[in-house]
PDB file of N, CA and C in Angstrom:
ATOM      1  N   ALA A   1       7.409 -26.968 -16.038  1.00  0.00           N
ATOM      2  CA  ALA A   1       7.559 -28.134 -15.447  1.00  0.00           C
ATOM      3  C   ALA A   1       8.996 -28.485 -15.163  1.00  0.00           C
ATOM      4  N   ARG A   2       9.254 -29.254 -14.143  1.00  0.00           N
ATOM      5  CA  ARG A   2      10.614 -29.633 -13.804  1.00  0.00           C
ATOM      6  C   ARG A   2      11.041 -30.835 -14.699  1.00  0.00           C
ATOM      7  N   ALA A   3      12.316 -31.071 -14.790  1.00  0.00           N
ATOM      8  CA  ALA A   3      12.881 -32.220 -15.666  1.00  0.00           C
ATOM      9  C   ALA A   3      12.445 -33.420 -15.136  1.00  0.00           C
ATOM     10  N   SER A   4      12.308 -33.725 -13.848  1.00  0.00           N
ATOM     11  CA  SER A   4      11.787 -34.928 -13.343  1.00  0.00           C
ATOM     12  C   SER A   4      10.369 -35.170 -13.692  1.00  0.00           C
ATOM     13  N   GLU A   5       9.505 -34.187 -13.763  1.00  0.00           N
ATOM     14  CA  GLU A   5       8.139 -34.275 -14.196  1.00  0.00           C
ATOM     15  C   GLU A   5       8.049 -34.653 -15.696  1.00  0.00           C
ATOM     16  N   LEU A   6       8.869 -33.981 -16.435  1.00  0.00           N
ATOM     17  CA  LEU A   6       8.955 -34.263 -17.867  1.00  0.00           C
ATOM     18  C   LEU A   6       9.356 -35.669 -18.152  1.00  0.00           C
ATOM     19  N   ALA A   7      10.244 -36.214 -17.348  1.00  0.00           N
ATOM     20  CA  ALA A   7      10.762 -37.553 -17.606  1.00  0.00           C
ATOM     21  C   ALA A   7       9.704 -38.550 -17.341  1.00  0.00           C
ATOM     22  N   THR A   8       8.702 -38.301 -16.465  1.00  0.00           N
ATOM     23  CA  THR A   8       7.620 -39.234 -16.269  1.00  0.00           C
ATOM     24  C   THR A   8       6.428 -38.840 -17.031  1.00  0.00           C
ATOM     25  N   ASP A   9       6.519 -38.035 -18.015  1.00  0.00           N
ATOM     26  CA  ASP A   9       5.396 -37.561 -18.789  1.00  0.00           C
ATOM     27  C   ASP A   9       5.600 -38.044 -20.196  1.00  0.00           C
ATOM     28  N   PRO A  10       5.389 -39.329 -20.505  1.00  0.00           N
ATOM     29  CA  PRO A  10       5.644 -39.865 -21.847  1.00  0.00           C
ATOM     30  C   PRO A  10       4.655 -39.285 -22.953  1.00  0.00           C
ATOM     31  N   SER A  11       3.548 -38.729 -22.542  1.00  0.00           N
ATOM     32  CA  SER A  11       2.629 -38.285 -23.476  1.00  0.00           C
ATOM     33  C   SER A  11       2.965 -36.855 -24.084  1.00  0.00           C
ATOM     34  N   GLY A  12       3.858 -36.213 -23.348  1.00  0.00           N
ATOM     35  CA  GLY A  12       4.191 -34.801 -23.699  1.00  0.00           C
ATOM     36  C   GLY A  12       3.267 -33.794 -23.318  1.00  0.00           C
ATOM     37  N   ALA A  13       2.285 -34.148 -22.562  1.00  0.00           N
ATOM     38  CA  ALA A  13       1.174 -33.291 -22.226  1.00  0.00           C
ATOM     39  C   ALA A  13       1.678 -32.067 -21.420  1.00  0.00           C
ATOM     40  N   LEU A  14       2.780 -32.131 -20.696  1.00  0.00           N
ATOM     41  CA  LEU A  14       3.218 -31.002 -19.919  1.00  0.00           C
ATOM     42  C   LEU A  14       3.821 -30.006 -20.888  1.00  0.00           C
ATOM     43  N   ILE A  15       4.499 -30.536 -21.933  1.00  0.00           N
ATOM     44  CA  ILE A  15       5.114 -29.646 -22.946  1.00  0.00           C
ATOM     45  C   ILE A  15       4.078 -28.873 -23.595  1.00  0.00           C
ATOM     46  N   VAL A  16       2.948 -29.593 -24.070  1.00  0.00           N
ATOM     47  CA  VAL A  16       1.914 -28.931 -24.801  1.00  0.00           C
ATOM     48  C   VAL A  16       1.216 -27.904 -23.809  1.00  0.00           C
ATOM     49  N   ASP A  17       0.981 -28.294 -22.521  1.00  0.00           N
ATOM     50  CA  ASP A  17       0.372 -27.343 -21.639  1.00  0.00           C
ATOM     51  C   ASP A  17       1.310 -26.140 -21.444  1.00  0.00           C
ATOM     52  N   GLY A  18       2.510 -26.325 -21.382  1.00  0.00           N
ATOM     53  CA  GLY A  18       3.467 -25.247 -21.195  1.00  0.00           C
ATOM     54  C   GLY A  18       3.360 -24.236 -22.369  1.00  0.00           C
ATOM     55  N   LEU A  19       3.319 -24.999 -23.548  1.00  0.00           N
ATOM     56  CA  LEU A  19       3.249 -23.968 -24.766  1.00  0.00           C
ATOM     57  C   LEU A  19       1.982 -23.182 -24.674  1.00  0.00           C
ATOM     58  N   LEU A  20       0.870 -23.807 -24.399  1.00  0.00           N
ATOM     59  CA  LEU A  20      -0.454 -23.064 -24.374  1.00  0.00           C
ATOM     60  C   LEU A  20      -0.401 -21.964 -23.318  1.00  0.00           C
ATOM     61  N   ALA A  21       0.305 -22.307 -22.189  1.00  0.00           N
ATOM     62  CA  ALA A  21       0.197 -21.313 -21.076  1.00  0.00           C
ATOM     63  C   ALA A  21       1.205 -20.223 -21.213  1.00  0.00           C
ATOM     64  N   SER A  22       2.307 -20.557 -21.930  1.00  0.00           N
ATOM     65  CA  SER A  22       3.395 -19.511 -22.115  1.00  0.00           C
ATOM     66  C   SER A  22       3.504 -18.710 -23.380  1.00  0.00           C
ATOM     67  N   VAL A  23       2.753 -19.070 -24.397  1.00  0.00           N
ATOM     68  CA  VAL A  23       2.868 -18.474 -25.680  1.00  0.00           C
ATOM     69  C   VAL A  23       1.510 -17.703 -25.946  1.00  0.00           C
ATOM     70  N   GLU A  24       1.574 -16.433 -26.088  1.00  0.00           N
ATOM     71  CA  GLU A  24       0.275 -15.767 -26.546  1.00  0.00           C
ATOM     72  C   GLU A  24       0.280 -15.719 -28.066  1.00  0.00           C
ATOM     73  N   LEU A  25      -0.737 -16.405 -28.580  1.00  0.00           N
ATOM     74  CA  LEU A  25      -0.841 -16.543 -30.014  1.00  0.00           C
ATOM     75  C   LEU A  25      -1.973 -15.641 -30.559  1.00  0.00           C
ATOM     76  N   PRO A  26      -1.720 -14.574 -31.325  1.00  0.00           N
ATOM     77  CA  PRO A  26      -2.710 -13.697 -31.715  1.00  0.00           C
ATOM     78  C   PRO A  26      -3.524 -14.312 -32.900  1.00  0.00           C
ATOM     79  N   ASP A  27      -2.823 -15.220 -33.616  1.00  0.00           N
ATOM     80  CA  ASP A  27      -3.525 -15.908 -34.760  1.00  0.00           C
ATOM     81  C   ASP A  27      -4.455 -16.935 -34.329  1.00  0.00           C
ATOM     82  N   ALA A  28      -5.799 -16.754 -34.547  1.00  0.00           N
ATOM     83  CA  ALA A  28      -6.780 -17.596 -34.053  1.00  0.00           C
ATOM     84  C   ALA A  28      -6.633 -19.016 -34.588  1.00  0.00           C
ATOM     85  N   ALA A  29      -6.247 -19.141 -35.835  1.00  0.00           N
ATOM     86  CA  ALA A  29      -6.137 -20.428 -36.472  1.00  0.00           C
ATOM     87  C   ALA A  29      -4.997 -21.225 -35.764  1.00  0.00           C
ATOM     88  N   THR A  30      -3.907 -20.576 -35.436  1.00  0.00           N
ATOM     89  CA  THR A  30      -2.743 -21.265 -34.844  1.00  0.00           C
ATOM     90  C   THR A  30      -3.162 -21.564 -33.443  1.00  0.00           C
ATOM     91  N   ALA A  31      -3.856 -20.699 -32.725  1.00  0.00           N
ATOM     92  CA  ALA A  31      -4.246 -21.050 -31.386  1.00  0.00           C
ATOM     93  C   ALA A  31      -5.095 -22.171 -31.385  1.00  0.00           C
ATOM     94  N   GLU A  32      -6.027 -22.278 -32.320  1.00  0.00           N
ATOM     95  CA  GLU A  32      -6.974 -23.450 -32.405  1.00  0.00           C
ATOM     96  C   GLU A  32      -6.273 -24.750 -32.647  1.00  0.00           C
ATOM     97  N   LEU A  33      -5.215 -24.663 -33.528  1.00  0.00           N
ATOM     98  CA  LEU A  33      -4.431 -25.885 -33.835  1.00  0.00           C
ATOM     99  C   LEU A  33      -3.771 -26.378 -32.584  1.00  0.00           C
ATOM    100  N   LEU A  34      -3.167 -25.445 -31.727  1.00  0.00           N
ATOM    101  CA  LEU A  34      -2.472 -25.869 -30.571  1.00  0.00           C
ATOM    102  C   LEU A  34      -3.456 -26.345 -29.549  1.00  0.00           C
ATOM    103  N   ARG A  35      -4.648 -25.876 -29.546  1.00  0.00           N
ATOM    104  CA  ARG A  35      -5.769 -26.443 -28.593  1.00  0.00           C
ATOM    105  C   ARG A  35      -6.031 -27.832 -28.957  1.00  0.00           C
ATOM    106  N   ALA A  36      -6.132 -28.099 -30.301  1.00  0.00           N
ATOM    107  CA  ALA A  36      -6.395 -29.402 -30.783  1.00  0.00           C
ATOM    108  C   ALA A  36      -5.292 -30.369 -30.435  1.00  0.00           C
ATOM    109  N   LEU A  37      -4.068 -29.858 -30.604  1.00  0.00           N
ATOM    110  CA  LEU A  37      -2.876 -30.649 -30.174  1.00  0.00           C
ATOM    111  C   LEU A  37      -2.933 -31.051 -28.682  1.00  0.00           C
ATOM    112  N   ALA A  38      -3.340 -30.045 -27.864  1.00  0.00           N
ATOM    113  CA  ALA A  38      -3.380 -30.325 -26.489  1.00  0.00           C
ATOM    114  C   ALA A  38      -4.390 -31.388 -26.082  1.00  0.00           C
ATOM    115  N   ALA A  39      -5.549 -31.322 -26.887  1.00  0.00           N
ATOM    116  CA  ALA A  39      -6.588 -32.357 -26.712  1.00  0.00           C
ATOM    117  C   ALA A  39      -6.136 -33.798 -27.050  1.00  0.00           C
ATOM    118  N   SER A  40      -5.230 -33.874 -27.954  1.00  0.00           N
ATOM    119  CA  SER A  40      -4.773 -35.207 -28.407  1.00  0.00           C
ATOM    120  C   SER A  40      -3.459 -35.499 -27.773  1.00  0.00           C
ATOM    121  N   ALA A  41      -2.933 -34.849 -26.850  1.00  0.00           N
ATOM    122  CA  ALA A  41      -1.537 -35.031 -26.304  1.00  0.00           C
ATOM    123  C   ALA A  41      -1.415 -36.496 -25.757  1.00  0.00           C
ATOM    124  N   GLU A  42      -2.427 -37.127 -25.190  1.00  0.00           N
ATOM    125  CA  GLU A  42      -2.262 -38.392 -24.592  1.00  0.00           C
ATOM    126  C   GLU A  42      -1.999 -39.436 -25.681  1.00  0.00           C
ATOM    127  N   ARG A  43      -2.426 -39.196 -26.924  1.00  0.00           N
ATOM    128  CA  ARG A  43      -2.137 -40.097 -27.970  1.00  0.00           C
ATOM    129  C   ARG A  43      -0.638 -40.179 -28.379  1.00  0.00           C
ATOM    130  N   LEU A  44       0.106 -39.146 -28.001  1.00  0.00           N
ATOM    131  CA  LEU A  44       1.462 -39.159 -28.341  1.00  0.00           C
ATOM    132  C   LEU A  44       2.213 -40.314 -27.680  1.00  0.00           C
ATOM    133  N   ALA A  45       1.644 -40.769 -26.555  1.00  0.00           N
ATOM    134  CA  ALA A  45       2.388 -41.723 -25.783  1.00  0.00           C
ATOM    135  C   ALA A  45       2.333 -43.097 -26.553  1.00  0.00           C
ATOM    136  N   VAL A  46       1.364 -43.333 -27.444  1.00  0.00           N
ATOM    137  CA  VAL A  46       1.195 -44.584 -28.148  1.00  0.00           C
ATOM    138  C   VAL A  46       1.617 -44.376 -29.594  1.00  0.00           C
ATOM    139  N   ASP A  47       1.809 -43.152 -30.053  1.00  0.00           N
ATOM    140  CA  ASP A  47       2.125 -42.883 -31.462  1.00  0.00           C
ATOM    141  C   ASP A  47       3.623 -42.580 -31.514  1.00  0.00           C
ATOM    142  N   LYS A  48       4.429 -43.555 -32.129  1.00  0.00           N
ATOM    143  CA  LYS A  48       5.815 -43.256 -32.198  1.00  0.00           C
ATOM    144  C   LYS A  48       6.148 -42.002 -33.080  1.00  0.00           C
ATOM    145  N   HIS A  49       5.255 -41.641 -33.922  1.00  0.00           N
ATOM    146  CA  HIS A  49       5.448 -40.520 -34.787  1.00  0.00           C
ATOM    147  C   HIS A  49       4.568 -39.371 -34.331  1.00  0.00           C
ATOM    148  N   GLY A  50       4.288 -39.321 -32.991  1.00  0.00           N
ATOM    149  CA  GLY A  50       3.346 -38.206 -32.500  1.00  0.00           C
ATOM    150  C   GLY A  50       4.029 -36.833 -32.728  1.00  0.00           C
ATOM    151  N   VAL A  51       5.310 -36.910 -32.760  1.00  0.00           N
ATOM    152  CA  VAL A  51       6.017 -35.540 -32.868  1.00  0.00           C
ATOM    153  C   VAL A  51       5.646 -34.965 -34.213  1.00  0.00           C
ATOM    154  N   CYS A  52       5.196 -35.659 -35.234  1.00  0.00           N
ATOM    155  CA  CYS A  52       4.727 -35.204 -36.476  1.00  0.00           C
ATOM    156  C   CYS A  52       3.607 -34.298 -36.317  1.00  0.00           C
ATOM    157  N   VAL A  53       2.689 -34.462 -35.319  1.00  0.00           N
ATOM    158  CA  VAL A  53       1.540 -33.648 -35.007  1.00  0.00           C
ATOM    159  C   VAL A  53       2.122 -32.219 -34.588  1.00  0.00           C
ATOM    160  N   LEU A  54       3.124 -32.357 -33.694  1.00  0.00           N
ATOM    161  CA  LEU A  54       3.751 -31.074 -33.158  1.00  0.00           C
ATOM    162  C   LEU A  54       4.367 -30.369 -34.361  1.00  0.00           C
ATOM    163  N   ARG A  55       5.083 -31.104 -35.256  1.00  0.00           N
ATOM    164  CA  ARG A  55       5.739 -30.458 -36.381  1.00  0.00           C
ATOM    165  C   ARG A  55       4.753 -29.817 -37.230  1.00  0.00           C
ATOM    166  N   ALA A  56       3.611 -30.428 -37.431  1.00  0.00           N
ATOM    167  CA  ALA A  56       2.515 -29.845 -38.219  1.00  0.00           C
ATOM    168  C   ALA A  56       2.086 -28.519 -37.728  1.00  0.00           C
ATOM    169  N   ALA A  57       1.898 -28.514 -36.283  1.00  0.00           N
ATOM    170  CA  ALA A  57       1.472 -27.288 -35.666  1.00  0.00           C
ATOM    171  C   ALA A  57       2.431 -26.090 -35.944  1.00  0.00           C
ATOM    172  N   LEU A  58       3.718 -26.491 -35.807  1.00  0.00           N
ATOM    173  CA  LEU A  58       4.773 -25.493 -36.020  1.00  0.00           C
ATOM    174  C   LEU A  58       4.889 -25.083 -37.398  1.00  0.00           C
ATOM    175  N   ALA A  59       4.789 -26.056 -38.322  1.00  0.00           N
ATOM    176  CA  ALA A  59       4.816 -25.770 -39.792  1.00  0.00           C
ATOM    177  C   ALA A  59       3.612 -24.693 -40.183  1.00  0.00           C
ATOM    178  N   HIS A  60       2.477 -24.933 -39.386  1.00  0.00           N
ATOM    179  CA  HIS A  60       1.319 -24.058 -39.681  1.00  0.00           C
ATOM    180  C   HIS A  60       1.712 -22.569 -39.510  1.00  0.00           C
ATOM    181  N   ALA A  61       2.583 -22.330 -38.409  1.00  0.00           N
ATOM    182  CA  ALA A  61       2.870 -21.070 -37.959  1.00  0.00           C
ATOM    183  C   ALA A  61       4.125 -20.520 -38.696  1.00  0.00           C
ATOM    184  N   ARG A  62       4.706 -21.402 -39.551  1.00  0.00           N
ATOM    185  CA  ARG A  62       5.959 -20.957 -40.163  1.00  0.00           C
ATOM    186  C   ARG A  62       5.748 -19.765 -40.982  1.00  0.00           C
ATOM    187  N   GLY A  63       6.677 -18.805 -40.965  1.00  0.00           N
ATOM    188  CA  GLY A  63       6.521 -17.622 -41.758  1.00  0.00           C
ATOM    189  C   GLY A  63       5.658 -16.558 -41.149  1.00  0.00           C
ATOM    190  N   ALA A  64       5.054 -17.019 -40.115  1.00  0.00           N
ATOM    191  CA  ALA A  64       4.086 -16.014 -39.388  1.00  0.00           C
ATOM    192  C   ALA A  64       4.707 -15.545 -38.153  1.00  0.00           C
ATOM    193  N   ASP A  65       4.219 -14.443 -37.585  1.00  0.00           N
ATOM    194  CA  ASP A  65       4.785 -13.983 -36.309  1.00  0.00           C
ATOM    195  C   ASP A  65       4.570 -14.758 -35.134  1.00  0.00           C
ATOM    196  N   THR A  66       3.655 -15.763 -35.228  1.00  0.00           N
ATOM    197  CA  THR A  66       3.430 -16.707 -34.137  1.00  0.00           C
ATOM    198  C   THR A  66       4.539 -17.725 -33.970  1.00  0.00           C
ATOM    199  N   MET A  67       5.391 -17.875 -34.901  1.00  0.00           N
ATOM    200  CA  MET A  67       6.465 -18.937 -34.840  1.00  0.00           C
ATOM    201  C   MET A  67       7.470 -18.480 -33.745  1.00  0.00           C
ATOM    202  N   ALA A  68       7.792 -17.119 -33.723  1.00  0.00           N
ATOM    203  CA  ALA A  68       8.884 -16.696 -32.883  1.00  0.00           C
ATOM    204  C   ALA A  68       8.550 -16.977 -31.377  1.00  0.00           C
ATOM    205  N   PRO A  69       7.446 -16.765 -30.854  1.00  0.00           N
ATOM    206  CA  PRO A  69       7.209 -17.029 -29.387  1.00  0.00           C
ATOM    207  C   PRO A  69       7.287 -18.543 -29.093  1.00  0.00           C
ATOM    208  N   VAL A  70       6.840 -19.411 -29.993  1.00  0.00           N
ATOM    209  CA  VAL A  70       6.982 -20.808 -29.739  1.00  0.00           C
ATOM    210  C   VAL A  70       8.465 -21.124 -29.732  1.00  0.00           C
ATOM    211  N   VAL A  71       9.244 -20.642 -30.581  1.00  0.00           N
ATOM    212  CA  VAL A  71      10.688 -21.089 -30.663  1.00  0.00           C
ATOM    213  C   VAL A  71      11.377 -20.442 -29.402  1.00  0.00           C
ATOM    214  N   GLU A  72      10.941 -19.276 -29.000  1.00  0.00           N
ATOM    215  CA  GLU A  72      11.618 -18.609 -27.840  1.00  0.00           C
ATOM    216  C   GLU A  72      11.202 -19.430 -26.566  1.00  0.00           C
ATOM    217  N   TRP A  73      10.000 -19.869 -26.416  1.00  0.00           N
ATOM    218  CA  TRP A  73       9.577 -20.726 -25.285  1.00  0.00           C
ATOM    219  C   TRP A  73      10.469 -22.024 -25.350  1.00  0.00           C
ATOM    220  N   LEU A  74      10.695 -22.659 -26.468  1.00  0.00           N
ATOM    221  CA  LEU A  74      11.516 -23.818 -26.530  1.00  0.00           C
ATOM    222  C   LEU A  74      12.927 -23.533 -26.157  1.00  0.00           C
ATOM    223  N   ARG A  75      13.439 -22.481 -26.607  1.00  0.00           N
ATOM    224  CA  ARG A  75      14.926 -22.162 -26.415  1.00  0.00           C
ATOM    225  C   ARG A  75      15.142 -21.865 -24.952  1.00  0.00           C
ATOM    226  N   GLU A  76      14.205 -21.136 -24.295  1.00  0.00           N
ATOM    227  CA  GLU A  76      14.341 -20.849 -22.944  1.00  0.00           C
ATOM    228  C   GLU A  76      14.431 -22.015 -22.016  1.00  0.00           C
ATOM    229  N   ARG A  77      13.813 -23.103 -22.493  1.00  0.00           N
ATOM    230  CA  ARG A  77      13.745 -24.495 -21.623  1.00  0.00           C
ATOM    231  C   ARG A  77      14.582 -25.543 -22.367  1.00  0.00           C
ATOM    232  N   GLU A  78      15.490 -25.164 -23.209  1.00  0.00           N
ATOM    233  CA  GLU A  78      16.244 -26.155 -24.032  1.00  0.00           C
ATOM    234  C   GLU A  78      16.892 -27.195 -23.115  1.00  0.00           C
ATOM    235  N   ALA A  79      17.647 -26.811 -22.109  1.00  0.00           N
ATOM    236  CA  ALA A  79      18.376 -27.811 -21.256  1.00  0.00           C
ATOM    237  C   ALA A  79      17.345 -28.753 -20.564  1.00  0.00           C
ATOM    238  N   GLU A  80      16.239 -28.203 -20.055  1.00  0.00           N
ATOM    239  CA  GLU A  80      15.284 -28.930 -19.322  1.00  0.00           C
ATOM    240  C   GLU A  80      14.625 -29.851 -20.312  1.00  0.00           C
ATOM    241  N   LEU A  81      14.155 -29.396 -21.421  1.00  0.00           N
ATOM    242  CA  LEU A  81      13.411 -30.210 -22.329  1.00  0.00           C
ATOM    243  C   LEU A  81      14.300 -31.272 -23.037  1.00  0.00           C
ATOM    244  N   PHE A  82      15.582 -31.032 -23.240  1.00  0.00           N
ATOM    245  CA  PHE A  82      16.395 -32.021 -23.878  1.00  0.00           C
ATOM    246  C   PHE A  82      16.564 -33.257 -23.009  1.00  0.00           C
ATOM    247  N   GLN A  83      16.169 -33.247 -21.773  1.00  0.00           N
ATOM    248  CA  GLN A  83      16.250 -34.419 -20.898  1.00  0.00           C
ATOM    249  C   GLN A  83      14.914 -35.357 -21.159  1.00  0.00           C
ATOM    250  N   HIS A  84      14.096 -34.884 -22.045  1.00  0.00           N
ATOM    251  CA  HIS A  84      12.832 -35.608 -22.401  1.00  0.00           C
ATOM    252  C   HIS A  84      12.914 -35.943 -23.830  1.00  0.00           C
ATOM    253  N   ARG A  85      12.791 -37.178 -24.072  1.00  0.00           N
ATOM    254  CA  ARG A  85      12.867 -37.666 -25.495  1.00  0.00           C
ATOM    255  C   ARG A  85      11.954 -37.073 -26.534  1.00  0.00           C
ATOM    256  N   LEU A  86      10.656 -36.961 -26.096  1.00  0.00           N
ATOM    257  CA  LEU A  86       9.682 -36.287 -27.002  1.00  0.00           C
ATOM    258  C   LEU A  86       9.972 -34.892 -27.315  1.00  0.00           C
ATOM    259  N   ALA A  87      10.408 -34.198 -26.251  1.00  0.00           N
ATOM    260  CA  ALA A  87      10.759 -32.787 -26.435  1.00  0.00           C
ATOM    261  C   ALA A  87      11.969 -32.676 -27.257  1.00  0.00           C
ATOM    262  N   ARG A  88      12.938 -33.564 -27.154  1.00  0.00           N
ATOM    263  CA  ARG A  88      14.209 -33.454 -28.002  1.00  0.00           C
ATOM    264  C   ARG A  88      13.749 -33.759 -29.445  1.00  0.00           C
ATOM    265  N   GLN A  89      12.818 -34.633 -29.724  1.00  0.00           N
ATOM    266  CA  GLN A  89      12.369 -34.896 -31.080  1.00  0.00           C
ATOM    267  C   GLN A  89      11.587 -33.586 -31.629  1.00  0.00           C
ATOM    268  N   LEU A  90      10.874 -32.911 -30.794  1.00  0.00           N
ATOM    269  CA  LEU A  90      10.112 -31.702 -31.169  1.00  0.00           C
ATOM    270  C   LEU A  90      11.143 -30.635 -31.605  1.00  0.00           C
ATOM    271  N   TYR A  91      12.117 -30.475 -30.634  1.00  0.00           N
ATOM    272  CA  TYR A  91      13.052 -29.412 -30.968  1.00  0.00           C
ATOM    273  C   TYR A  91      13.878 -29.750 -32.265  1.00  0.00           C
ATOM    274  N   ASP A  92      14.162 -30.991 -32.391  1.00  0.00           N
ATOM    275  CA  ASP A  92      14.936 -31.378 -33.577  1.00  0.00           C
ATOM    276  C   ASP A  92      14.108 -31.176 -34.836  1.00  0.00           C
ATOM    277  N   ALA A  93      12.692 -31.315 -34.785  1.00  0.00           N
ATOM    278  CA  ALA A  93      11.986 -31.239 -35.822  1.00  0.00           C
ATOM    279  C   ALA A  93      11.870 -29.800 -36.374  1.00  0.00           C
ATOM    280  N   LEU A  94      12.154 -28.859 -35.409  1.00  0.00           N
ATOM    281  CA  LEU A  94      12.144 -27.460 -35.937  1.00  0.00           C
ATOM    282  C   LEU A  94      13.371 -27.225 -36.836  1.00  0.00           C
ATOM    283  N   GLY A  95      14.494 -27.753 -36.535  1.00  0.00           N
ATOM    284  CA  GLY A  95      15.680 -27.553 -37.312  1.00  0.00           C
ATOM    285  C   GLY A  95      16.316 -26.291 -37.014  1.00  0.00           C
ATOM    286  N   SER A  96      17.596 -26.191 -36.910  1.00  0.00           N
ATOM    287  CA  SER A  96      18.347 -25.063 -36.554  1.00  0.00           C
ATOM    288  C   SER A  96      18.096 -23.879 -37.503  1.00  0.00           C
ATOM    289  N   ALA A  97      17.949 -24.125 -38.841  1.00  0.00           N
ATOM    290  CA  ALA A  97      17.688 -23.075 -39.746  1.00  0.00           C
ATOM    291  C   ALA A  97      16.376 -22.322 -39.472  1.00  0.00           C
ATOM    292  N   GLU A  98      15.355 -23.214 -39.077  1.00  0.00           N
ATOM    293  CA  GLU A  98      14.111 -22.520 -38.773  1.00  0.00           C
ATOM    294  C   GLU A  98      14.108 -21.734 -37.500  1.00  0.00           C
ATOM    295  N   VAL A  99      14.863 -22.162 -36.587  1.00  0.00           N
ATOM    296  CA  VAL A  99      15.064 -21.422 -35.312  1.00  0.00           C
ATOM    297  C   VAL A  99      15.701 -20.108 -35.657  1.00  0.00           C
ATOM    298  N   GLU A 100      16.757 -20.115 -36.380  1.00  0.00           N
ATOM    299  CA  GLU A 100      17.451 -18.932 -36.706  1.00  0.00           C
ATOM    300  C   GLU A 100      16.600 -17.932 -37.487  1.00  0.00           C
ATOM    301  N   ARG A 101      15.748 -18.457 -38.465  1.00  0.00           N
ATOM    302  CA  ARG A 101      14.808 -17.626 -39.271  1.00  0.00           C
ATOM    303  C   ARG A 101      13.804 -17.017 -38.327  1.00  0.00           C
ATOM    304  N   ALA A 102      13.268 -17.791 -37.343  1.00  0.00           N
ATOM    305  CA  ALA A 102      12.316 -17.199 -36.425  1.00  0.00           C
ATOM    306  C   ALA A 102      12.917 -16.084 -35.505  1.00  0.00           C
ATOM    307  N   ILE A 103      14.085 -16.302 -35.052  1.00  0.00           N
ATOM    308  CA  ILE A 103      14.783 -15.294 -34.297  1.00  0.00           C
ATOM    309  C   ILE A 103      14.983 -14.037 -35.068  1.00  0.00           C
ATOM    310  N   THR A 104      15.464 -14.255 -36.267  1.00  0.00           N
ATOM    311  CA  THR A 104      15.659 -13.125 -37.264  1.00  0.00           C
ATOM    312  C   THR A 104      14.449 -12.265 -37.463  1.00  0.00           C
ATOM    313  N   ARG A 105      13.358 -13.048 -37.692  1.00  0.00           N
ATOM    314  CA  ARG A 105      12.103 -12.293 -37.938  1.00  0.00           C
ATOM    315  C   ARG A 105      11.629 -11.581 -36.583  1.00  0.00           C
ATOM    316  N   SER A 106      11.832 -12.270 -35.427  1.00  0.00           N
ATOM    317  CA  SER A 106      11.465 -11.614 -34.227  1.00  0.00           C
ATOM    318  C   SER A 106      12.252 -10.416 -33.891  1.00  0.00           C
ATOM    319  N   VAL A 107      13.602 -10.369 -34.123  1.00  0.00           N
ATOM    320  CA  VAL A 107      14.440  -9.267 -33.933  1.00  0.00           C
ATOM    321  C   VAL A 107      14.060  -8.164 -34.866  1.00  0.00           C
ATOM    322  N   GLY A 108      13.846  -8.543 -36.189  1.00  0.00           N
ATOM    323  CA  GLY A 108      13.430  -7.599 -37.264  1.00  0.00           C
ATOM    324  C   GLY A 108      12.215  -6.861 -36.970  1.00  0.00           C
ATOM    325  N   ALA A 109      11.224  -7.594 -36.346  1.00  0.00           N
ATOM    326  CA  ALA A 109       9.869  -6.981 -36.094  1.00  0.00           C
ATOM    327  C   ALA A 109      10.025  -6.046 -34.907  1.00  0.00           C
ATOM    328  N   ALA A 110      10.876  -6.307 -33.981  1.00  0.00           N
ATOM    329  CA  ALA A 110      11.186  -5.496 -32.781  1.00  0.00           C
ATOM    330  C   ALA A 110      11.841  -4.189 -33.125  1.00  0.00           C
ATOM    331  N   ALA A 111      12.674  -4.226 -34.173  1.00  0.00           N
ATOM    332  CA  ALA A 111      13.351  -3.042 -34.539  1.00  0.00           C
ATOM    333  C   ALA A 111      12.556  -1.916 -35.007  1.00  0.00           C
TER     334      ALA A 111
END
């Protein structure tokens, strides 16, 4: 999605759709959780704390191999997503330490 599309997408649906389309999740439980998140994306527009749902999905994958592709997807689109408030909250929710851990795990697994 382009930055202009994200700016007019208060529900964050494009972000969720992008995650689902871009990240291959081998873990069935995590994939199911993200599908549930996509189904409730429209509620994020009226829920000031909707980012907590996204944070919960990411926390579910924490420590698992599935976290790295999600973080990679976010990092690749960092500049674009930071123009969108909800995406910025999502990225902030990850925390830099978690991003570093995910990258370390990803590099370690590839070695």
